[in-house]
Amino acid sequence: MGQGGAAGQGAGGFSGLIPIILMFVIFYFLLIRPQQKRNKEQKEMITNLKKGDRIVTNGGIYGRITGLDETTLTVEIADKVRIKMVRGNVSALAQSAAPAAPAKKEKDKGSADKS
């Protein structure tokens, strides 16, 4: 009888670990893996910066790259106003072209006005 009880506890201990393992797998695919992917894309974007790119800094400042070296960038934030910053402080590339204005919708005078 003593051996049967020990075997039952061993099986119960392993089945108690299954939910913990399952939670770790879910956290990996929902949190850890996407974060690693974003970090990799950010690092690639920072290494591929070139002169003339429009950027947004971590502080929310928009500017255009006028010079760069291995660790720093020179960014023009206004006419003849340039700042030097570390490459790692670039959060994203800014849209180089202004978004197009939305087209005006013309009202259908037949059905819309008769409500």
PDB file of N, CA and C in Angstrom:
ATOM      1  N   MET A   1       0.797  -1.189   0.000  1.00  0.00           N
ATOM      2  CA  MET A   1       0.000   0.000   0.000  1.00  0.00           C
ATOM      3  C   MET A   1       0.848   1.266   0.000  1.00  0.00           C
ATOM      4  N   GLY A   2       1.999   1.224   0.619  1.00  0.00           N
ATOM      5  CA  GLY A   2       2.870   2.382   0.694  1.00  0.00           C
ATOM      6  C   GLY A   2       3.395   2.776  -0.671  1.00  0.00           C
ATOM      7  N   GLN A   3       3.676   1.791  -1.516  1.00  0.00           N
ATOM      8  CA  GLN A   3       4.217   2.104  -2.834  1.00  0.00           C
ATOM      9  C   GLN A   3       3.159   2.701  -3.755  1.00  0.00           C
ATOM     10  N   GLY A   4       1.934   2.266  -3.642  1.00  0.00           N
ATOM     11  CA  GLY A   4       0.863   2.794  -4.482  1.00  0.00           C
ATOM     12  C   GLY A   4       0.610   4.263  -4.212  1.00  0.00           C
ATOM     13  N   GLY A   5       0.697   4.676  -2.936  1.00  0.00           N
ATOM     14  CA  GLY A   5       0.488   6.083  -2.579  1.00  0.00           C
ATOM     15  C   GLY A   5       1.595   6.966  -3.114  1.00  0.00           C
ATOM     16  N   ALA A   6       2.835   6.482  -3.109  1.00  0.00           N
ATOM     17  CA  ALA A   6       3.958   7.268  -3.606  1.00  0.00           C
ATOM     18  C   ALA A   6       3.848   7.476  -5.108  1.00  0.00           C
ATOM     19  N   ALA A   7       3.405   6.450  -5.814  1.00  0.00           N
ATOM     20  CA  ALA A   7       3.261   6.576  -7.263  1.00  0.00           C
ATOM     21  C   ALA A   7       2.177   7.592  -7.606  1.00  0.00           C
ATOM     22  N   GLY A   8       1.134   7.644  -6.839  1.00  0.00           N
ATOM     23  CA  GLY A   8       0.057   8.597  -7.075  1.00  0.00           C
ATOM     24  C   GLY A   8       0.512  10.025  -6.841  1.00  0.00           C
ATOM     25  N   GLN A   9       1.369  10.269  -5.854  1.00  0.00           N
ATOM     26  CA  GLN A   9       1.867  11.614  -5.584  1.00  0.00           C
ATOM     27  C   GLN A   9       2.789  12.096  -6.700  1.00  0.00           C
ATOM     28  N   GLY A  10       3.611  11.196  -7.241  1.00  0.00           N
ATOM     29  CA  GLY A  10       4.508  11.577  -8.324  1.00  0.00           C
ATOM     30  C   GLY A  10       3.741  12.024  -9.551  1.00  0.00           C
ATOM     31  N   ALA A  11       2.700  11.320  -9.893  1.00  0.00           N
ATOM     32  CA  ALA A  11       1.889  11.693 -11.048  1.00  0.00           C
ATOM     33  C   ALA A  11       1.166  13.010 -10.789  1.00  0.00           C
ATOM     34  N   GLY A  12       0.698  13.208  -9.560  1.00  0.00           N
ATOM     35  CA  GLY A  12      -0.005  14.445  -9.220  1.00  0.00           C
ATOM     36  C   GLY A  12       0.931  15.641  -9.242  1.00  0.00           C
ATOM     37  N   GLY A  13       2.195  15.470  -8.851  1.00  0.00           N
ATOM     38  CA  GLY A  13       3.170  16.557  -8.872  1.00  0.00           C
ATOM     39  C   GLY A  13       3.484  17.011 -10.275  1.00  0.00           C
ATOM     40  N   PHE A  14       3.607  16.052 -11.199  1.00  0.00           N
ATOM     41  CA  PHE A  14       3.893  16.400 -12.592  1.00  0.00           C
ATOM     42  C   PHE A  14       2.701  17.102 -13.234  1.00  0.00           C
ATOM     43  N   SER A  15       1.507  16.635 -12.935  1.00  0.00           N
ATOM     44  CA  SER A  15       0.328  17.270 -13.532  1.00  0.00           C
ATOM     45  C   SER A  15       0.134  18.677 -12.974  1.00  0.00           C
ATOM     46  N   GLY A  16       0.682  18.960 -11.796  1.00  0.00           N
ATOM     47  CA  GLY A  16       0.624  20.314 -11.259  1.00  0.00           C
ATOM     48  C   GLY A  16       1.556  21.269 -11.987  1.00  0.00           C
ATOM     49  N   LEU A  17       2.613  20.737 -12.623  1.00  0.00           N
ATOM     50  CA  LEU A  17       3.557  21.573 -13.370  1.00  0.00           C
ATOM     51  C   LEU A  17       3.059  21.923 -14.768  1.00  0.00           C
ATOM     52  N   ILE A  18       2.153  21.148 -15.288  1.00  0.00           N
ATOM     53  CA  ILE A  18       1.671  21.371 -16.658  1.00  0.00           C
ATOM     54  C   ILE A  18       1.063  22.768 -16.832  1.00  0.00           C
ATOM     55  N   PRO A  19       0.202  23.247 -15.924  1.00  0.00           N
ATOM     56  CA  PRO A  19      -0.322  24.615 -16.113  1.00  0.00           C
ATOM     57  C   PRO A  19       0.772  25.687 -16.063  1.00  0.00           C
ATOM     58  N   ILE A  20       1.778  25.499 -15.225  1.00  0.00           N
ATOM     59  CA  ILE A  20       2.866  26.474 -15.138  1.00  0.00           C
ATOM     60  C   ILE A  20       3.662  26.491 -16.435  1.00  0.00           C
ATOM     61  N   ILE A  21       3.952  25.326 -16.974  1.00  0.00           N
ATOM     62  CA  ILE A  21       4.676  25.234 -18.245  1.00  0.00           C
ATOM     63  C   ILE A  21       3.841  25.844 -19.365  1.00  0.00           C
ATOM     64  N   LEU A  22       2.552  25.564 -19.364  1.00  0.00           N
ATOM     65  CA  LEU A  22       1.655  26.115 -20.376  1.00  0.00           C
ATOM     66  C   LEU A  22       1.617  27.640 -20.292  1.00  0.00           C
ATOM     67  N   MET A  23       1.584  28.212 -19.081  1.00  0.00           N
ATOM     68  CA  MET A  23       1.597  29.671 -18.926  1.00  0.00           C
ATOM     69  C   MET A  23       2.897  30.263 -19.456  1.00  0.00           C
ATOM     70  N   PHE A  24       4.040  29.595 -19.195  1.00  0.00           N
ATOM     71  CA  PHE A  24       5.314  30.093 -19.699  1.00  0.00           C
ATOM     72  C   PHE A  24       5.322  30.116 -21.227  1.00  0.00           C
ATOM     73  N   VAL A  25       4.806  29.054 -21.846  1.00  0.00           N
ATOM     74  CA  VAL A  25       4.754  28.993 -23.310  1.00  0.00           C
ATOM     75  C   VAL A  25       3.877  30.120 -23.862  1.00  0.00           C
ATOM     76  N   ILE A  26       2.742  30.365 -23.221  1.00  0.00           N
ATOM     77  CA  ILE A  26       1.839  31.438 -23.672  1.00  0.00           C
ATOM     78  C   ILE A  26       2.526  32.793 -23.527  1.00  0.00           C
ATOM     79  N   PHE A  27       3.181  33.035 -22.372  1.00  0.00           N
ATOM     80  CA  PHE A  27       3.908  34.294 -22.183  1.00  0.00           C
ATOM     81  C   PHE A  27       5.001  34.460 -23.230  1.00  0.00           C
ATOM     82  N   TYR A  28       5.683  33.377 -23.572  1.00  0.00           N
ATOM     83  CA  TYR A  28       6.754  33.467 -24.560  1.00  0.00           C
ATOM     84  C   TYR A  28       6.196  33.938 -25.894  1.00  0.00           C
ATOM     85  N   PHE A  29       5.119  33.325 -26.362  1.00  0.00           N
ATOM     86  CA  PHE A  29       4.598  33.663 -27.680  1.00  0.00           C
ATOM     87  C   PHE A  29       3.825  34.982 -27.702  1.00  0.00           C
ATOM     88  N   LEU A  30       3.266  35.401 -26.573  1.00  0.00           N
ATOM     89  CA  LEU A  30       2.499  36.646 -26.568  1.00  0.00           C
ATOM     90  C   LEU A  30       3.307  37.869 -26.144  1.00  0.00           C
ATOM     91  N   LEU A  31       4.360  37.674 -25.332  1.00  0.00           N
ATOM     92  CA  LEU A  31       5.093  38.826 -24.816  1.00  0.00           C
ATOM     93  C   LEU A  31       6.562  38.843 -25.207  1.00  0.00           C
ATOM     94  N   ILE A  32       7.265  37.781 -24.941  1.00  0.00           N
ATOM     95  CA  ILE A  32       8.718  37.781 -25.106  1.00  0.00           C
ATOM     96  C   ILE A  32       9.119  37.802 -26.577  1.00  0.00           C
ATOM     97  N   ARG A  33       8.569  36.918 -27.379  1.00  0.00           N
ATOM     98  CA  ARG A  33       8.949  36.829 -28.795  1.00  0.00           C
ATOM     99  C   ARG A  33       8.632  38.103 -29.582  1.00  0.00           C
ATOM    100  N   PRO A  34       7.430  38.690 -29.437  1.00  0.00           N
ATOM    101  CA  PRO A  34       7.179  39.954 -30.160  1.00  0.00           C
ATOM    102  C   PRO A  34       8.112  41.083 -29.727  1.00  0.00           C
ATOM    103  N   GLN A  35       8.464  41.138 -28.441  1.00  0.00           N
ATOM    104  CA  GLN A  35       9.373  42.175 -27.969  1.00  0.00           C
ATOM    105  C   GLN A  35      10.756  41.997 -28.590  1.00  0.00           C
ATOM    106  N   GLN A  36      11.224  40.757 -28.683  1.00  0.00           N
ATOM    107  CA  GLN A  36      12.518  40.501 -29.317  1.00  0.00           C
ATOM    108  C   GLN A  36      12.493  40.905 -30.781  1.00  0.00           C
ATOM    109  N   LYS A  37      11.374  40.661 -31.451  1.00  0.00           N
ATOM    110  CA  LYS A  37      11.241  41.029 -32.863  1.00  0.00           C
ATOM    111  C   LYS A  37      11.283  42.550 -33.032  1.00  0.00           C
ATOM    112  N   ARG A  38      10.575  43.283 -32.148  1.00  0.00           N
ATOM    113  CA  ARG A  38      10.593  44.751 -32.211  1.00  0.00           C
ATOM    114  C   ARG A  38      11.998  45.290 -31.956  1.00  0.00           C
ATOM    115  N   ASN A  39      12.699  44.703 -30.985  1.00  0.00           N
ATOM    116  CA  ASN A  39      14.064  45.146 -30.690  1.00  0.00           C
ATOM    117  C   ASN A  39      14.983  44.932 -31.890  1.00  0.00           C
ATOM    118  N   LYS A  40      14.831  43.805 -32.569  1.00  0.00           N
ATOM    119  CA  LYS A  40      15.655  43.512 -33.742  1.00  0.00           C
ATOM    120  C   LYS A  40      15.364  44.511 -34.868  1.00  0.00           C
ATOM    121  N   GLU A  41      14.075  44.820 -35.098  1.00  0.00           N
ATOM    122  CA  GLU A  41      13.710  45.779 -36.136  1.00  0.00           C
ATOM    123  C   GLU A  41      14.229  47.178 -35.796  1.00  0.00           C
ATOM    124  N   GLN A  42      14.167  47.566 -34.517  1.00  0.00           N
ATOM    125  CA  GLN A  42      14.665  48.875 -34.088  1.00  0.00           C
ATOM    126  C   GLN A  42      16.171  48.973 -34.316  1.00  0.00           C
ATOM    127  N   LYS A  43      16.896  47.909 -33.973  1.00  0.00           N
ATOM    128  CA  LYS A  43      18.349  47.905 -34.149  1.00  0.00           C
ATOM    129  C   LYS A  43      18.715  48.010 -35.632  1.00  0.00           C
ATOM    130  N   GLU A  44      17.983  47.282 -36.495  1.00  0.00           N
ATOM    131  CA  GLU A  44      18.226  47.359 -37.944  1.00  0.00           C
ATOM    132  C   GLU A  44      17.958  48.764 -38.463  1.00  0.00           C
ATOM    133  N   MET A  45      16.869  49.381 -37.989  1.00  0.00           N
ATOM    134  CA  MET A  45      16.521  50.726 -38.441  1.00  0.00           C
ATOM    135  C   MET A  45      17.621  51.713 -38.042  1.00  0.00           C
ATOM    136  N   ILE A  46      18.146  51.584 -36.834  1.00  0.00           N
ATOM    137  CA  ILE A  46      19.186  52.501 -36.367  1.00  0.00           C
ATOM    138  C   ILE A  46      20.475  52.314 -37.163  1.00  0.00           C
ATOM    139  N   THR A  47      20.829  51.081 -37.491  1.00  0.00           N
ATOM    140  CA  THR A  47      22.065  50.860 -38.245  1.00  0.00           C
ATOM    141  C   THR A  47      21.919  51.285 -39.702  1.00  0.00           C
ATOM    142  N   ASN A  48      20.700  51.324 -40.235  1.00  0.00           N
ATOM    143  CA  ASN A  48      20.486  51.687 -41.637  1.00  0.00           C
ATOM    144  C   ASN A  48      20.168  53.164 -41.843  1.00  0.00           C
ATOM    145  N   LEU A  49      20.299  53.993 -40.811  1.00  0.00           N
ATOM    146  CA  LEU A  49      20.052  55.428 -40.974  1.00  0.00           C
ATOM    147  C   LEU A  49      21.070  56.024 -41.935  1.00  0.00           C
ATOM    148  N   LYS A  50      20.616  56.996 -42.729  1.00  0.00           N
ATOM    149  CA  LYS A  50      21.518  57.653 -43.666  1.00  0.00           C
ATOM    150  C   LYS A  50      21.205  59.140 -43.706  1.00  0.00           C
ATOM    151  N   LYS A  51      22.108  59.885 -44.270  1.00  0.00           N
ATOM    152  CA  LYS A  51      21.968  61.330 -44.375  1.00  0.00           C
ATOM    153  C   LYS A  51      20.711  61.667 -45.174  1.00  0.00           C
ATOM    154  N   GLY A  52      19.924  62.605 -44.665  1.00  0.00           N
ATOM    155  CA  GLY A  52      18.704  63.024 -45.340  1.00  0.00           C
ATOM    156  C   GLY A  52      17.448  62.355 -44.805  1.00  0.00           C
ATOM    157  N   ASP A  53      17.591  61.289 -44.011  1.00  0.00           N
ATOM    158  CA  ASP A  53      16.413  60.628 -43.430  1.00  0.00           C
ATOM    159  C   ASP A  53      15.719  61.554 -42.449  1.00  0.00           C
ATOM    160  N   ARG A  54      14.389  61.503 -42.441  1.00  0.00           N
ATOM    161  CA  ARG A  54      13.605  62.260 -41.471  1.00  0.00           C
ATOM    162  C   ARG A  54      13.298  61.310 -40.324  1.00  0.00           C
ATOM    163  N   ILE A  55      13.569  61.764 -39.085  1.00  0.00           N
ATOM    164  CA  ILE A  55      13.448  60.893 -37.921  1.00  0.00           C
ATOM    165  C   ILE A  55      12.616  61.538 -36.822  1.00  0.00           C
ATOM    166  N   VAL A  56      12.228  60.716 -35.852  1.00  0.00           N
ATOM    167  CA  VAL A  56      11.594  61.170 -34.623  1.00  0.00           C
ATOM    168  C   VAL A  56      12.459  60.651 -33.487  1.00  0.00           C
ATOM    169  N   THR A  57      12.824  61.529 -32.557  1.00  0.00           N
ATOM    170  CA  THR A  57      13.647  61.110 -31.430  1.00  0.00           C
ATOM    171  C   THR A  57      12.763  60.546 -30.322  1.00  0.00           C
ATOM    172  N   ASN A  58      13.406  59.943 -29.313  1.00  0.00           N
ATOM    173  CA  ASN A  58      12.661  59.437 -28.165  1.00  0.00           C
ATOM    174  C   ASN A  58      11.940  60.555 -27.428  1.00  0.00           C
ATOM    175  N   GLY A  59      12.432  61.765 -27.534  1.00  0.00           N
ATOM    176  CA  GLY A  59      11.803  62.915 -26.893  1.00  0.00           C
ATOM    177  C   GLY A  59      10.681  63.526 -27.714  1.00  0.00           C
ATOM    178  N   GLY A  60      10.433  62.991 -28.907  1.00  0.00           N
ATOM    179  CA  GLY A  60       9.343  63.485 -29.745  1.00  0.00           C
ATOM    180  C   GLY A  60       9.748  64.614 -30.678  1.00  0.00           C
ATOM    181  N   ILE A  61      11.035  64.835 -30.861  1.00  0.00           N
ATOM    182  CA  ILE A  61      11.503  65.899 -31.741  1.00  0.00           C
ATOM    183  C   ILE A  61      11.661  65.348 -33.157  1.00  0.00           C
ATOM    184  N   TYR A  62      11.084  66.046 -34.126  1.00  0.00           N
ATOM    185  CA  TYR A  62      11.221  65.672 -35.528  1.00  0.00           C
ATOM    186  C   TYR A  62      12.425  66.398 -36.106  1.00  0.00           C
ATOM    187  N   GLY A  63      13.145  65.732 -36.981  1.00  0.00           N
ATOM    188  CA  GLY A  63      14.288  66.368 -37.601  1.00  0.00           C
ATOM    189  C   GLY A  63      14.778  65.595 -38.807  1.00  0.00           C
ATOM    190  N   ARG A  64      15.809  66.151 -39.450  1.00  0.00           N
ATOM    191  CA  ARG A  64      16.404  65.530 -40.631  1.00  0.00           C
ATOM    192  C   ARG A  64      17.882  65.327 -40.349  1.00  0.00           C
ATOM    193  N   ILE A  65      18.392  64.157 -40.668  1.00  0.00           N
ATOM    194  CA  ILE A  65      19.790  63.841 -40.422  1.00  0.00           C
ATOM    195  C   ILE A  65      20.656  64.600 -41.426  1.00  0.00           C
ATOM    196  N   THR A  66      21.625  65.377 -40.902  1.00  0.00           N
ATOM    197  CA  THR A  66      22.534  66.121 -41.768  1.00  0.00           C
ATOM    198  C   THR A  66      23.947  65.563 -41.712  1.00  0.00           C
ATOM    199  N   GLY A  67      24.237  64.745 -40.717  1.00  0.00           N
ATOM    200  CA  GLY A  67      25.553  64.134 -40.595  1.00  0.00           C
ATOM    201  C   GLY A  67      25.479  62.963 -39.624  1.00  0.00           C
ATOM    202  N   LEU A  68      26.360  62.001 -39.816  1.00  0.00           N
ATOM    203  CA  LEU A  68      26.366  60.867 -38.914  1.00  0.00           C
ATOM    204  C   LEU A  68      27.731  60.212 -38.877  1.00  0.00           C
ATOM    205  N   ASP A  69      28.013  59.566 -37.749  1.00  0.00           N
ATOM    206  CA  ASP A  69      29.193  58.718 -37.626  1.00  0.00           C
ATOM    207  C   ASP A  69      28.762  57.452 -36.883  1.00  0.00           C
ATOM    208  N   GLU A  70      29.714  56.711 -36.341  1.00  0.00           N
ATOM    209  CA  GLU A  70      29.381  55.413 -35.754  1.00  0.00           C
ATOM    210  C   GLU A  70      28.396  55.498 -34.593  1.00  0.00           C
ATOM    211  N   THR A  71      28.529  56.499 -33.728  1.00  0.00           N
ATOM    212  CA  THR A  71      27.702  56.552 -32.528  1.00  0.00           C
ATOM    213  C   THR A  71      26.772  57.753 -32.442  1.00  0.00           C
ATOM    214  N   THR A  72      27.038  58.800 -33.212  1.00  0.00           N
ATOM    215  CA  THR A  72      26.227  60.014 -33.085  1.00  0.00           C
ATOM    216  C   THR A  72      25.633  60.437 -34.423  1.00  0.00           C
ATOM    217  N   LEU A  73      24.601  61.264 -34.321  1.00  0.00           N
ATOM    218  CA  LEU A  73      23.935  61.859 -35.477  1.00  0.00           C
ATOM    219  C   LEU A  73      23.904  63.369 -35.287  1.00  0.00           C
ATOM    220  N   THR A  74      23.958  64.098 -36.384  1.00  0.00           N
ATOM    221  CA  THR A  74      23.681  65.524 -36.349  1.00  0.00           C
ATOM    222  C   THR A  74      22.328  65.692 -37.014  1.00  0.00           C
ATOM    223  N   VAL A  75      21.398  66.271 -36.262  1.00  0.00           N
ATOM    224  CA  VAL A  75      20.014  66.368 -36.722  1.00  0.00           C
ATOM    225  C   VAL A  75      19.623  67.832 -36.804  1.00  0.00           C
ATOM    226  N   GLU A  76      19.074  68.225 -37.946  1.00  0.00           N
ATOM    227  CA  GLU A  76      18.574  69.593 -38.124  1.00  0.00           C
ATOM    228  C   GLU A  76      17.102  69.591 -37.743  1.00  0.00           C
ATOM    229  N   ILE A  77      16.769  70.359 -36.693  1.00  0.00           N
ATOM    230  CA  ILE A  77      15.393  70.380 -36.210  1.00  0.00           C
ATOM    231  C   ILE A  77      14.640  71.630 -36.659  1.00  0.00           C
ATOM    232  N   ALA A  78      15.357  72.626 -37.145  1.00  0.00           N
ATOM    233  CA  ALA A  78      14.777  73.841 -37.724  1.00  0.00           C
ATOM    234  C   ALA A  78      15.849  74.427 -38.640  1.00  0.00           C
ATOM    235  N   ASP A  79      15.503  75.501 -39.356  1.00  0.00           N
ATOM    236  CA  ASP A  79      16.494  76.119 -40.234  1.00  0.00           C
ATOM    237  C   ASP A  79      17.711  76.548 -39.433  1.00  0.00           C
ATOM    238  N   LYS A  80      18.866  76.032 -39.793  1.00  0.00           N
ATOM    239  CA  LYS A  80      20.155  76.346 -39.173  1.00  0.00           C
ATOM    240  C   LYS A  80      20.218  76.028 -37.677  1.00  0.00           C
ATOM    241  N   VAL A  81      19.354  75.124 -37.202  1.00  0.00           N
ATOM    242  CA  VAL A  81      19.399  74.664 -35.809  1.00  0.00           C
ATOM    243  C   VAL A  81      19.698  73.174 -35.850  1.00  0.00           C
ATOM    244  N   ARG A  82      20.905  72.832 -35.420  1.00  0.00           N
ATOM    245  CA  ARG A  82      21.338  71.443 -35.467  1.00  0.00           C
ATOM    246  C   ARG A  82      21.720  70.965 -34.079  1.00  0.00           C
ATOM    247  N   ILE A  83      21.378  69.722 -33.793  1.00  0.00           N
ATOM    248  CA  ILE A  83      21.753  69.115 -32.520  1.00  0.00           C
ATOM    249  C   ILE A  83      22.489  67.814 -32.797  1.00  0.00           C
ATOM    250  N   LYS A  84      23.357  67.455 -31.859  1.00  0.00           N
ATOM    251  CA  LYS A  84      24.064  66.190 -31.952  1.00  0.00           C
ATOM    252  C   LYS A  84      23.429  65.251 -30.953  1.00  0.00           C
ATOM    253  N   MET A  85      23.184  64.011 -31.357  1.00  0.00           N
ATOM    254  CA  MET A  85      22.541  63.052 -30.463  1.00  0.00           C
ATOM    255  C   MET A  85      23.074  61.653 -30.711  1.00  0.00           C
ATOM    256  N   VAL A  86      22.864  60.790 -29.758  1.00  0.00           N
ATOM    257  CA  VAL A  86      23.284  59.399 -29.861  1.00  0.00           C
ATOM    258  C   VAL A  86      22.304  58.661 -30.769  1.00  0.00           C
ATOM    259  N   ARG A  87      22.811  57.754 -31.587  1.00  0.00           N
ATOM    260  CA  ARG A  87      21.959  56.993 -32.507  1.00  0.00           C
ATOM    261  C   ARG A  87      20.814  56.260 -31.797  1.00  0.00           C
ATOM    262  N   GLY A  88      21.083  55.766 -30.605  1.00  0.00           N
ATOM    263  CA  GLY A  88      20.083  54.991 -29.873  1.00  0.00           C
ATOM    264  C   GLY A  88      18.860  55.787 -29.467  1.00  0.00           C
ATOM    265  N   ASN A  89      18.917  57.106 -29.551  1.00  0.00           N
ATOM    266  CA  ASN A  89      17.777  57.937 -29.176  1.00  0.00           C
ATOM    267  C   ASN A  89      16.805  58.182 -30.328  1.00  0.00           C
ATOM    268  N   VAL A  90      16.993  57.517 -31.444  1.00  0.00           N
ATOM    269  CA  VAL A  90      16.057  57.615 -32.555  1.00  0.00           C
ATOM    270  C   VAL A  90      14.961  56.584 -32.322  1.00  0.00           C
ATOM    271  N   SER A  91      13.712  57.042 -32.270  1.00  0.00           N
ATOM    272  CA  SER A  91      12.629  56.091 -32.025  1.00  0.00           C
ATOM    273  C   SER A  91      12.017  55.572 -33.321  1.00  0.00           C
ATOM    274  N   ALA A  92      11.989  56.384 -34.373  1.00  0.00           N
ATOM    275  CA  ALA A  92      11.365  55.927 -35.619  1.00  0.00           C
ATOM    276  C   ALA A  92      11.755  56.842 -36.765  1.00  0.00           C
ATOM    277  N   LEU A  93      11.528  56.345 -37.967  1.00  0.00           N
ATOM    278  CA  LEU A  93      11.641  57.175 -39.158  1.00  0.00           C
ATOM    279  C   LEU A  93      10.328  57.926 -39.320  1.00  0.00           C
ATOM    280  N   ALA A  94      10.393  59.212 -39.607  1.00  0.00           N
ATOM    281  CA  ALA A  94       9.189  60.012 -39.817  1.00  0.00           C
ATOM    282  C   ALA A  94       8.735  59.838 -41.255  1.00  0.00           C
ATOM    283  N   GLN A  95       7.487  60.078 -41.482  1.00  0.00           N
ATOM    284  CA  GLN A  95       6.959  60.030 -42.846  1.00  0.00           C
ATOM    285  C   GLN A  95       7.574  61.170 -43.628  1.00  0.00           C
ATOM    286  N   SER A  96       8.217  60.862 -44.758  1.00  0.00           N
ATOM    287  CA  SER A  96       8.900  61.900 -45.524  1.00  0.00           C
ATOM    288  C   SER A  96       7.925  62.785 -46.286  1.00  0.00           C
ATOM    289  N   ALA A  97       6.797  62.239 -46.679  1.00  0.00           N
ATOM    290  CA  ALA A  97       5.808  63.032 -47.406  1.00  0.00           C
ATOM    291  C   ALA A  97       4.623  63.301 -46.490  1.00  0.00           C
ATOM    292  N   ALA A  98       4.066  64.477 -46.605  1.00  0.00           N
ATOM    293  CA  ALA A  98       2.890  64.821 -45.803  1.00  0.00           C
ATOM    294  C   ALA A  98       1.711  63.975 -46.268  1.00  0.00           C
ATOM    295  N   PRO A  99       0.867  63.522 -45.352  1.00  0.00           N
ATOM    296  CA  PRO A  99      -0.277  62.722 -45.761  1.00  0.00           C
ATOM    297  C   PRO A  99      -1.227  63.538 -46.634  1.00  0.00           C
ATOM    298  N   ALA A 100      -1.784  62.899 -47.610  1.00  0.00           N
ATOM    299  CA  ALA A 100      -2.691  63.576 -48.525  1.00  0.00           C
ATOM    300  C   ALA A 100      -3.968  63.964 -47.797  1.00  0.00           C
ATOM    301  N   ALA A 101      -4.531  65.109 -48.175  1.00  0.00           N
ATOM    302  CA  ALA A 101      -5.776  65.561 -47.561  1.00  0.00           C
ATOM    303  C   ALA A 101      -6.902  64.634 -48.010  1.00  0.00           C
ATOM    304  N   PRO A 102      -7.804  64.283 -47.102  1.00  0.00           N
ATOM    305  CA  PRO A 102      -8.898  63.398 -47.492  1.00  0.00           C
ATOM    306  C   PRO A 102      -9.797  64.068 -48.527  1.00  0.00           C
ATOM    307  N   ALA A 103     -10.244  63.291 -49.458  1.00  0.00           N
ATOM    308  CA  ALA A 103     -11.100  63.823 -50.513  1.00  0.00           C
ATOM    309  C   ALA A 103     -12.459  64.195 -49.928  1.00  0.00           C
ATOM    310  N   LYS A 104     -13.012  65.296 -50.402  1.00  0.00           N
ATOM    311  CA  LYS A 104     -14.323  65.723 -49.914  1.00  0.00           C
ATOM    312  C   LYS A 104     -15.394  64.852 -50.543  1.00  0.00           C
ATOM    313  N   LYS A 105     -16.314  64.429 -49.696  1.00  0.00           N
ATOM    314  CA  LYS A 105     -17.414  63.602 -50.197  1.00  0.00           C
ATOM    315  C   LYS A 105     -18.564  64.518 -50.615  1.00  0.00           C
ATOM    316  N   GLU A 106     -19.080  64.232 -51.776  1.00  0.00           N
ATOM    317  CA  GLU A 106     -20.224  65.010 -52.236  1.00  0.00           C
ATOM    318  C   GLU A 106     -21.490  64.332 -51.756  1.00  0.00           C
ATOM    319  N   LYS A 107     -22.432  65.123 -51.324  1.00  0.00           N
ATOM    320  CA  LYS A 107     -23.687  64.574 -50.809  1.00  0.00           C
ATOM    321  C   LYS A 107     -24.563  64.115 -51.971  1.00  0.00           C
ATOM    322  N   ASP A 108     -25.212  62.991 -51.736  1.00  0.00           N
ATOM    323  CA  ASP A 108     -26.199  62.499 -52.704  1.00  0.00           C
ATOM    324  C   ASP A 108     -27.503  63.234 -52.377  1.00  0.00           C
ATOM    325  N   LYS A 109     -27.859  64.209 -53.185  1.00  0.00           N
ATOM    326  CA  LYS A 109     -29.000  65.066 -52.877  1.00  0.00           C
ATOM    327  C   LYS A 109     -30.335  64.338 -52.972  1.00  0.00           C
ATOM    328  N   GLY A 110     -30.385  63.220 -53.660  1.00  0.00           N
ATOM    329  CA  GLY A 110     -31.645  62.514 -53.833  1.00  0.00           C
ATOM    330  C   GLY A 110     -32.094  61.794 -52.575  1.00  0.00           C
ATOM    331  N   SER A 111     -31.245  60.968 -51.941  1.00  0.00           N
ATOM    332  CA  SER A 111     -31.688  60.147 -50.813  1.00  0.00           C
ATOM    333  C   SER A 111     -31.269  60.699 -49.457  1.00  0.00           C
ATOM    334  N   ALA A 112     -30.177  61.458 -49.355  1.00  0.00           N
ATOM    335  CA  ALA A 112     -29.676  61.917 -48.069  1.00  0.00           C
ATOM    336  C   ALA A 112     -30.522  63.049 -47.491  1.00  0.00           C
ATOM    337  N   ASP A 113     -31.075  63.916 -48.326  1.00  0.00           N
ATOM    338  CA  ASP A 113     -31.810  65.073 -47.827  1.00  0.00           C
ATOM    339  C   ASP A 113     -33.258  64.751 -47.479  1.00  0.00           C
ATOM    340  N   LYS A 114     -33.788  63.617 -47.856  1.00  0.00           N
ATOM    341  CA  LYS A 114     -35.187  63.298 -47.645  1.00  0.00           C
ATOM    342  C   LYS A 114     -35.412  62.514 -46.368  1.00  0.00           C
ATOM    343  N   SER A 115     -34.572  62.617 -45.362  1.00  0.00           N
ATOM    344  CA  SER A 115     -34.784  61.825 -44.150  1.00  0.00           C
ATOM    345  C   SER A 115     -35.691  62.461 -43.176  1.00  0.00           C
TER     346      SER A 115
END
